[in-house]
N, C-alpha and C. Protein backbone atom coordinates (compact mmCIF):
# COMPACT_ATOMS: atom_id res chain seq x y z
N MET A 1 1.51 -28.89 36.69
CA MET A 1 0.97 -29.97 35.90
C MET A 1 1.81 -31.22 36.14
N SER A 2 1.14 -32.35 36.28
CA SER A 2 1.87 -33.59 36.55
C SER A 2 2.73 -33.95 35.34
N GLU A 3 3.76 -34.70 35.63
CA GLU A 3 4.73 -35.09 34.59
C GLU A 3 4.08 -35.94 33.49
N LEU A 4 3.24 -36.86 33.90
CA LEU A 4 2.58 -37.75 32.94
C LEU A 4 1.61 -36.98 32.05
N ARG A 5 0.86 -36.09 32.66
CA ARG A 5 -0.09 -35.28 31.89
C ARG A 5 0.64 -34.39 30.88
N GLU A 6 1.74 -33.83 31.30
CA GLU A 6 2.55 -32.99 30.42
C GLU A 6 3.10 -33.81 29.25
N ARG A 7 3.52 -35.03 29.55
CA ARG A 7 4.04 -35.93 28.50
C ARG A 7 2.96 -36.25 27.47
N ILE A 8 1.75 -36.52 27.93
CA ILE A 8 0.64 -36.82 27.02
C ILE A 8 0.34 -35.59 26.15
N ASN A 9 0.28 -34.41 26.78
CA ASN A 9 0.02 -33.17 26.03
C ASN A 9 1.09 -32.91 24.98
N ASN A 10 2.35 -33.14 25.33
CA ASN A 10 3.44 -32.95 24.37
C ASN A 10 3.33 -33.95 23.22
N ASP A 11 2.94 -35.18 23.54
CA ASP A 11 2.79 -36.20 22.49
C ASP A 11 1.64 -35.87 21.54
N VAL A 12 0.59 -35.21 22.06
CA VAL A 12 -0.51 -34.77 21.19
C VAL A 12 0.03 -33.76 20.18
N LYS A 13 0.82 -32.82 20.67
CA LYS A 13 1.39 -31.79 19.79
C LYS A 13 2.30 -32.42 18.73
N LEU A 14 3.14 -33.35 19.15
CA LEU A 14 4.05 -34.01 18.21
C LEU A 14 3.27 -34.81 17.16
N ALA A 15 2.24 -35.50 17.60
CA ALA A 15 1.42 -36.30 16.67
C ALA A 15 0.69 -35.38 15.68
N MET A 16 0.25 -34.22 16.15
CA MET A 16 -0.42 -33.27 15.26
C MET A 16 0.56 -32.75 14.20
N LYS A 17 1.77 -32.43 14.64
CA LYS A 17 2.78 -31.92 13.71
C LYS A 17 3.18 -32.95 12.67
N SER A 18 3.21 -34.21 13.08
CA SER A 18 3.62 -35.26 12.15
C SER A 18 2.45 -35.83 11.36
N GLY A 19 1.24 -35.33 11.60
CA GLY A 19 0.09 -35.74 10.81
C GLY A 19 -0.47 -37.11 11.15
N GLU A 20 -0.23 -37.59 12.35
CA GLU A 20 -0.75 -38.89 12.78
C GLU A 20 -2.12 -38.71 13.41
N SER A 21 -3.14 -38.63 12.57
CA SER A 21 -4.49 -38.30 13.04
C SER A 21 -5.06 -39.35 13.99
N GLU A 22 -4.80 -40.61 13.74
CA GLU A 22 -5.33 -41.66 14.62
C GLU A 22 -4.71 -41.56 16.01
N LYS A 23 -3.41 -41.28 16.06
CA LYS A 23 -2.73 -41.14 17.34
C LYS A 23 -3.23 -39.89 18.06
N VAL A 24 -3.45 -38.81 17.32
CA VAL A 24 -3.99 -37.58 17.91
C VAL A 24 -5.34 -37.86 18.54
N ASN A 25 -6.21 -38.56 17.83
CA ASN A 25 -7.54 -38.88 18.35
C ASN A 25 -7.46 -39.71 19.64
N ALA A 26 -6.59 -40.70 19.63
CA ALA A 26 -6.44 -41.56 20.82
C ALA A 26 -5.92 -40.76 22.01
N LEU A 27 -4.93 -39.91 21.76
CA LEU A 27 -4.36 -39.11 22.85
C LEU A 27 -5.35 -38.06 23.34
N ARG A 28 -6.16 -37.52 22.46
CA ARG A 28 -7.17 -36.55 22.88
C ARG A 28 -8.21 -37.21 23.78
N LEU A 29 -8.53 -38.46 23.51
CA LEU A 29 -9.45 -39.18 24.40
C LEU A 29 -8.85 -39.28 25.80
N LEU A 30 -7.54 -39.52 25.87
CA LEU A 30 -6.87 -39.60 27.17
C LEU A 30 -6.86 -38.24 27.86
N THR A 31 -6.55 -37.18 27.12
CA THR A 31 -6.50 -35.85 27.74
C THR A 31 -7.88 -35.42 28.21
N SER A 32 -8.92 -35.79 27.46
CA SER A 32 -10.26 -35.42 27.91
C SER A 32 -10.67 -36.22 29.15
N ALA A 33 -10.24 -37.47 29.25
CA ALA A 33 -10.54 -38.26 30.44
C ALA A 33 -9.83 -37.67 31.66
N VAL A 34 -8.59 -37.22 31.48
CA VAL A 34 -7.85 -36.58 32.57
C VAL A 34 -8.54 -35.27 32.96
N LYS A 35 -8.95 -34.50 31.98
CA LYS A 35 -9.64 -33.23 32.23
C LYS A 35 -10.95 -33.47 32.98
N GLN A 36 -11.66 -34.55 32.63
CA GLN A 36 -12.91 -34.87 33.32
C GLN A 36 -12.67 -35.18 34.79
N VAL A 37 -11.59 -35.89 35.08
CA VAL A 37 -11.24 -36.17 36.48
C VAL A 37 -10.96 -34.85 37.21
N GLU A 38 -10.26 -33.96 36.55
CA GLU A 38 -9.95 -32.65 37.14
C GLU A 38 -11.23 -31.88 37.44
N VAL A 39 -12.18 -31.89 36.53
CA VAL A 39 -13.44 -31.19 36.71
C VAL A 39 -14.24 -31.84 37.85
N ASP A 40 -14.29 -33.16 37.86
CA ASP A 40 -15.05 -33.88 38.88
C ASP A 40 -14.51 -33.68 40.29
N THR A 41 -13.18 -33.69 40.42
CA THR A 41 -12.59 -33.60 41.75
C THR A 41 -12.26 -32.17 42.17
N GLY A 42 -12.16 -31.28 41.20
CA GLY A 42 -11.83 -29.89 41.52
C GLY A 42 -10.36 -29.66 41.75
N LYS A 43 -9.54 -30.65 41.46
CA LYS A 43 -8.09 -30.50 41.62
C LYS A 43 -7.40 -31.26 40.50
N GLU A 44 -6.15 -30.87 40.27
CA GLU A 44 -5.39 -31.54 39.22
C GLU A 44 -4.99 -32.94 39.69
N PRO A 45 -5.23 -33.96 38.86
CA PRO A 45 -4.87 -35.33 39.27
C PRO A 45 -3.35 -35.54 39.31
N SER A 46 -2.93 -36.36 40.25
CA SER A 46 -1.51 -36.70 40.38
C SER A 46 -1.17 -37.76 39.34
N ASP A 47 0.12 -38.05 39.21
CA ASP A 47 0.55 -39.10 38.27
C ASP A 47 -0.08 -40.44 38.63
N ASP A 48 -0.17 -40.75 39.93
CA ASP A 48 -0.77 -42.03 40.35
C ASP A 48 -2.25 -42.10 39.94
N GLU A 49 -2.96 -40.99 40.09
CA GLU A 49 -4.37 -40.96 39.71
C GLU A 49 -4.51 -41.09 38.19
N ILE A 50 -3.59 -40.50 37.46
CA ILE A 50 -3.62 -40.61 35.99
C ILE A 50 -3.32 -42.04 35.57
N VAL A 51 -2.39 -42.70 36.25
CA VAL A 51 -2.09 -44.10 35.93
C VAL A 51 -3.32 -44.97 36.17
N THR A 52 -4.03 -44.71 37.27
CA THR A 52 -5.26 -45.45 37.56
C THR A 52 -6.28 -45.22 36.45
N LEU A 53 -6.41 -43.98 36.03
CA LEU A 53 -7.33 -43.64 34.94
C LEU A 53 -6.92 -44.33 33.64
N LEU A 54 -5.63 -44.35 33.36
CA LEU A 54 -5.14 -45.01 32.14
C LEU A 54 -5.42 -46.50 32.17
N ARG A 55 -5.32 -47.11 33.34
CA ARG A 55 -5.63 -48.54 33.47
C ARG A 55 -7.11 -48.80 33.15
N LYS A 56 -7.99 -47.90 33.63
CA LYS A 56 -9.42 -48.04 33.33
C LYS A 56 -9.67 -47.90 31.83
N GLU A 57 -9.03 -46.92 31.23
CA GLU A 57 -9.18 -46.71 29.79
C GLU A 57 -8.64 -47.91 29.01
N LEU A 58 -7.53 -48.46 29.48
CA LEU A 58 -6.95 -49.64 28.84
C LEU A 58 -7.92 -50.81 28.90
N LYS A 59 -8.51 -51.01 30.06
CA LYS A 59 -9.46 -52.12 30.24
C LYS A 59 -10.64 -51.95 29.28
N LYS A 60 -11.15 -50.72 29.15
CA LYS A 60 -12.25 -50.47 28.23
C LYS A 60 -11.85 -50.87 26.80
N ARG A 61 -10.65 -50.46 26.40
CA ARG A 61 -10.19 -50.75 25.04
C ARG A 61 -10.01 -52.25 24.84
N GLN A 62 -9.49 -52.95 25.85
CA GLN A 62 -9.30 -54.39 25.73
C GLN A 62 -10.64 -55.11 25.60
N ASP A 63 -11.63 -54.67 26.38
CA ASP A 63 -12.96 -55.28 26.29
C ASP A 63 -13.57 -55.04 24.91
N SER A 64 -13.45 -53.80 24.42
CA SER A 64 -13.99 -53.47 23.09
C SER A 64 -13.27 -54.26 22.00
N HIS A 65 -11.95 -54.38 22.13
CA HIS A 65 -11.15 -55.12 21.15
C HIS A 65 -11.65 -56.55 21.05
N LYS A 66 -11.87 -57.18 22.19
CA LYS A 66 -12.35 -58.57 22.21
C LYS A 66 -13.73 -58.67 21.56
N GLN A 67 -14.62 -57.74 21.91
CA GLN A 67 -15.97 -57.78 21.33
C GLN A 67 -15.94 -57.56 19.82
N PHE A 68 -15.11 -56.64 19.36
CA PHE A 68 -15.01 -56.40 17.92
C PHE A 68 -14.44 -57.62 17.19
N GLN A 69 -13.46 -58.27 17.81
CA GLN A 69 -12.90 -59.47 17.19
C GLN A 69 -13.95 -60.57 17.12
N ASP A 70 -14.68 -60.75 18.22
CA ASP A 70 -15.72 -61.78 18.24
C ASP A 70 -16.80 -61.51 17.20
N ALA A 71 -17.07 -60.23 16.93
CA ALA A 71 -18.10 -59.86 15.96
C ALA A 71 -17.57 -59.83 14.52
N GLY A 72 -16.26 -60.06 14.37
CA GLY A 72 -15.68 -60.07 13.03
C GLY A 72 -15.41 -58.68 12.47
N ARG A 73 -15.38 -57.67 13.31
CA ARG A 73 -15.13 -56.29 12.88
C ARG A 73 -13.64 -55.99 13.05
N THR A 74 -12.84 -56.51 12.14
CA THR A 74 -11.39 -56.35 12.25
C THR A 74 -10.95 -54.90 12.12
N ASP A 75 -11.71 -54.08 11.38
CA ASP A 75 -11.36 -52.67 11.23
C ASP A 75 -11.41 -51.96 12.59
N LEU A 76 -12.48 -52.19 13.33
CA LEU A 76 -12.62 -51.57 14.65
C LEU A 76 -11.68 -52.20 15.67
N ALA A 77 -11.46 -53.50 15.55
CA ALA A 77 -10.54 -54.19 16.46
C ALA A 77 -9.13 -53.64 16.28
N THR A 78 -8.74 -53.35 15.05
CA THR A 78 -7.42 -52.79 14.77
C THR A 78 -7.27 -51.41 15.40
N LYS A 79 -8.32 -50.60 15.31
CA LYS A 79 -8.31 -49.27 15.92
C LYS A 79 -8.13 -49.37 17.43
N GLU A 80 -8.89 -50.28 18.05
CA GLU A 80 -8.78 -50.46 19.50
C GLU A 80 -7.38 -50.96 19.88
N GLU A 81 -6.82 -51.84 19.07
CA GLU A 81 -5.48 -52.37 19.34
C GLU A 81 -4.44 -51.25 19.30
N MET A 82 -4.59 -50.33 18.36
CA MET A 82 -3.69 -49.19 18.26
C MET A 82 -3.79 -48.32 19.53
N GLU A 83 -5.01 -48.09 19.98
CA GLU A 83 -5.22 -47.30 21.20
C GLU A 83 -4.65 -48.02 22.42
N ILE A 84 -4.79 -49.33 22.46
CA ILE A 84 -4.23 -50.12 23.56
C ILE A 84 -2.72 -49.92 23.62
N ASN A 85 -2.06 -50.00 22.47
CA ASN A 85 -0.61 -49.83 22.42
C ASN A 85 -0.18 -48.43 22.86
N ILE A 86 -0.95 -47.43 22.48
CA ILE A 86 -0.64 -46.06 22.88
C ILE A 86 -0.76 -45.91 24.40
N ILE A 87 -1.85 -46.40 24.96
CA ILE A 87 -2.07 -46.28 26.41
C ILE A 87 -0.98 -47.04 27.17
N GLN A 88 -0.63 -48.23 26.72
CA GLN A 88 0.39 -49.02 27.40
C GLN A 88 1.74 -48.30 27.44
N GLY A 89 1.97 -47.42 26.48
CA GLY A 89 3.20 -46.65 26.46
C GLY A 89 3.34 -45.68 27.61
N TYR A 90 2.23 -45.35 28.27
CA TYR A 90 2.25 -44.41 29.39
C TYR A 90 2.17 -45.11 30.74
N LEU A 91 1.95 -46.41 30.73
CA LEU A 91 1.83 -47.15 31.99
C LEU A 91 3.17 -47.71 32.43
N PRO A 92 3.37 -47.82 33.75
CA PRO A 92 4.61 -48.41 34.23
C PRO A 92 4.69 -49.88 33.84
N ALA A 93 5.90 -50.41 33.78
CA ALA A 93 6.11 -51.81 33.40
C ALA A 93 5.40 -52.74 34.38
N GLN A 94 4.83 -53.79 33.84
CA GLN A 94 4.10 -54.77 34.63
C GLN A 94 5.01 -55.95 34.98
N LEU A 95 4.77 -56.53 36.15
CA LEU A 95 5.49 -57.74 36.55
C LEU A 95 4.98 -58.91 35.71
N SER A 96 5.85 -59.86 35.44
CA SER A 96 5.43 -61.06 34.71
C SER A 96 4.60 -61.94 35.65
N ALA A 97 3.90 -62.91 35.09
CA ALA A 97 3.07 -63.82 35.88
C ALA A 97 3.91 -64.57 36.91
N GLU A 98 5.13 -64.95 36.53
CA GLU A 98 6.02 -65.67 37.45
C GLU A 98 6.45 -64.76 38.60
N GLN A 99 6.76 -63.51 38.29
CA GLN A 99 7.15 -62.56 39.33
C GLN A 99 5.99 -62.29 40.28
N VAL A 100 4.80 -62.15 39.72
CA VAL A 100 3.61 -61.92 40.55
C VAL A 100 3.39 -63.10 41.47
N GLU A 101 3.48 -64.31 40.93
CA GLU A 101 3.26 -65.51 41.74
C GLU A 101 4.28 -65.59 42.87
N SER A 102 5.52 -65.27 42.59
CA SER A 102 6.57 -65.27 43.60
C SER A 102 6.27 -64.26 44.70
N LYS A 103 5.88 -63.05 44.31
CA LYS A 103 5.55 -62.00 45.29
C LYS A 103 4.33 -62.38 46.12
N VAL A 104 3.32 -62.95 45.47
CA VAL A 104 2.12 -63.37 46.18
C VAL A 104 2.47 -64.43 47.22
N GLN A 105 3.28 -65.40 46.83
CA GLN A 105 3.71 -66.46 47.75
C GLN A 105 4.43 -65.85 48.95
N GLU A 106 5.31 -64.91 48.69
CA GLU A 106 6.08 -64.23 49.72
C GLU A 106 5.16 -63.48 50.70
N ILE A 107 4.22 -62.71 50.15
CA ILE A 107 3.31 -61.90 50.96
C ILE A 107 2.39 -62.78 51.79
N LEU A 108 1.82 -63.81 51.18
CA LEU A 108 0.89 -64.69 51.89
C LEU A 108 1.61 -65.52 52.96
N SER A 109 2.82 -65.94 52.69
CA SER A 109 3.60 -66.69 53.68
C SER A 109 3.91 -65.82 54.89
N ALA A 110 4.27 -64.57 54.64
CA ALA A 110 4.59 -63.66 55.73
C ALA A 110 3.37 -63.39 56.62
N GLN A 111 2.17 -63.46 56.05
CA GLN A 111 0.95 -63.20 56.80
C GLN A 111 0.24 -64.48 57.26
N ASN A 112 0.85 -65.64 57.01
CA ASN A 112 0.26 -66.94 57.35
C ASN A 112 -1.14 -67.12 56.78
N ILE A 113 -1.32 -66.74 55.55
CA ILE A 113 -2.60 -66.93 54.87
C ILE A 113 -2.43 -68.09 53.90
N SER A 114 -3.27 -69.13 54.07
CA SER A 114 -3.13 -70.29 53.20
C SER A 114 -4.47 -70.92 52.83
N GLU A 115 -5.57 -70.38 53.34
CA GLU A 115 -6.87 -70.99 53.06
C GLU A 115 -7.68 -70.15 52.09
N LYS A 116 -8.49 -70.84 51.30
CA LYS A 116 -9.32 -70.20 50.27
C LYS A 116 -10.29 -69.18 50.88
N LYS A 117 -10.72 -69.42 52.11
CA LYS A 117 -11.69 -68.52 52.74
C LYS A 117 -11.11 -67.12 52.97
N ASP A 118 -9.78 -66.98 52.95
CA ASP A 118 -9.13 -65.69 53.16
C ASP A 118 -8.78 -65.00 51.84
N PHE A 119 -9.47 -65.41 50.76
CA PHE A 119 -9.15 -64.88 49.43
C PHE A 119 -9.24 -63.35 49.38
N GLY A 120 -10.33 -62.79 49.90
CA GLY A 120 -10.52 -61.33 49.87
C GLY A 120 -9.43 -60.60 50.62
N LYS A 121 -9.12 -61.10 51.78
CA LYS A 121 -8.06 -60.50 52.60
C LYS A 121 -6.71 -60.58 51.87
N ALA A 122 -6.46 -61.74 51.27
CA ALA A 122 -5.20 -61.95 50.53
C ALA A 122 -5.11 -60.99 49.34
N MET A 123 -6.18 -60.87 48.57
CA MET A 123 -6.18 -59.97 47.41
C MET A 123 -5.91 -58.53 47.85
N GLY A 124 -6.55 -58.11 48.93
CA GLY A 124 -6.35 -56.75 49.42
C GLY A 124 -4.90 -56.49 49.78
N MET A 125 -4.31 -57.42 50.50
CA MET A 125 -2.91 -57.26 50.92
C MET A 125 -1.97 -57.25 49.72
N VAL A 126 -2.18 -58.18 48.81
CA VAL A 126 -1.29 -58.29 47.65
C VAL A 126 -1.41 -57.06 46.76
N MET A 127 -2.63 -56.62 46.48
CA MET A 127 -2.82 -55.45 45.61
C MET A 127 -2.26 -54.18 46.26
N LYS A 128 -2.37 -54.09 47.57
CA LYS A 128 -1.81 -52.94 48.27
C LYS A 128 -0.29 -52.94 48.13
N GLU A 129 0.29 -54.12 48.25
CA GLU A 129 1.74 -54.26 48.16
C GLU A 129 2.27 -54.05 46.74
N LEU A 130 1.60 -54.66 45.77
CA LEU A 130 2.09 -54.60 44.39
C LEU A 130 1.63 -53.34 43.65
N GLY A 131 0.50 -52.78 44.08
CA GLY A 131 0.02 -51.55 43.47
C GLY A 131 -0.17 -51.67 41.97
N SER A 132 0.33 -50.68 41.26
CA SER A 132 0.11 -50.64 39.82
C SER A 132 1.14 -51.44 39.03
N SER A 133 2.01 -52.16 39.72
CA SER A 133 3.04 -52.92 39.01
C SER A 133 2.55 -54.29 38.55
N ALA A 134 1.30 -54.65 38.93
CA ALA A 134 0.77 -55.95 38.51
C ALA A 134 -0.69 -55.81 38.12
N ASP A 135 -1.09 -56.54 37.10
CA ASP A 135 -2.47 -56.56 36.64
C ASP A 135 -3.31 -57.34 37.64
N GLY A 136 -4.47 -56.82 37.97
CA GLY A 136 -5.35 -57.46 38.95
C GLY A 136 -5.74 -58.87 38.59
N ASN A 137 -5.96 -59.14 37.31
CA ASN A 137 -6.34 -60.49 36.88
C ASN A 137 -5.20 -61.48 37.08
N VAL A 138 -3.98 -61.04 36.84
CA VAL A 138 -2.81 -61.90 37.04
C VAL A 138 -2.65 -62.20 38.53
N VAL A 139 -2.87 -61.19 39.37
CA VAL A 139 -2.78 -61.37 40.82
C VAL A 139 -3.86 -62.34 41.28
N LYS A 140 -5.08 -62.18 40.77
CA LYS A 140 -6.18 -63.06 41.14
C LYS A 140 -5.85 -64.52 40.83
N GLU A 141 -5.31 -64.76 39.64
CA GLU A 141 -4.94 -66.13 39.26
C GLU A 141 -3.86 -66.68 40.19
N ALA A 142 -2.88 -65.85 40.53
CA ALA A 142 -1.79 -66.29 41.41
C ALA A 142 -2.32 -66.62 42.80
N VAL A 143 -3.18 -65.75 43.34
CA VAL A 143 -3.75 -65.98 44.67
C VAL A 143 -4.58 -67.26 44.67
N ASN A 144 -5.40 -67.45 43.64
CA ASN A 144 -6.21 -68.67 43.53
C ASN A 144 -5.34 -69.91 43.47
N LYS A 145 -4.23 -69.83 42.75
CA LYS A 145 -3.33 -70.96 42.60
C LYS A 145 -2.66 -71.33 43.92
N ILE A 146 -2.31 -70.31 44.71
CA ILE A 146 -1.57 -70.55 45.94
C ILE A 146 -2.48 -70.96 47.10
N LEU A 147 -3.66 -70.34 47.21
CA LEU A 147 -4.57 -70.70 48.31
C LEU A 147 -5.22 -72.04 48.05
N LYS A 148 -5.34 -72.82 49.13
CA LYS A 148 -5.91 -74.17 49.00
C LYS A 148 -7.36 -74.20 49.42
């Protein structure tokens, strides 16, 4: 069993013992999403695959949080915010916007990419290089800012 999956399972047990029902529910959603990937692929997901899955789940929660806030449903927005915080606890640390911009500048300079028409190529290279250490939207903004 992957280290991250084991950590999530242990946290479910701890949350159950301490009576944190909301945390248990949020973690069970994560464990079921991991289990679904396992069923779909026929193999146990690696930590990298679980991180990718957690990012997707995080994005879903962020979108829902925004929609609930816009609709004035603070009760549901609060629930989504709690789930966001739980998921973020399992994700690797993200680079700041300044760090991302610096890395993007470095990568694009090394490849002599400076025109807007090469945006797709630039995004591919940068995301491959930075991987899960940077949010795609932050990278997109940095690439747009740097390309002329």
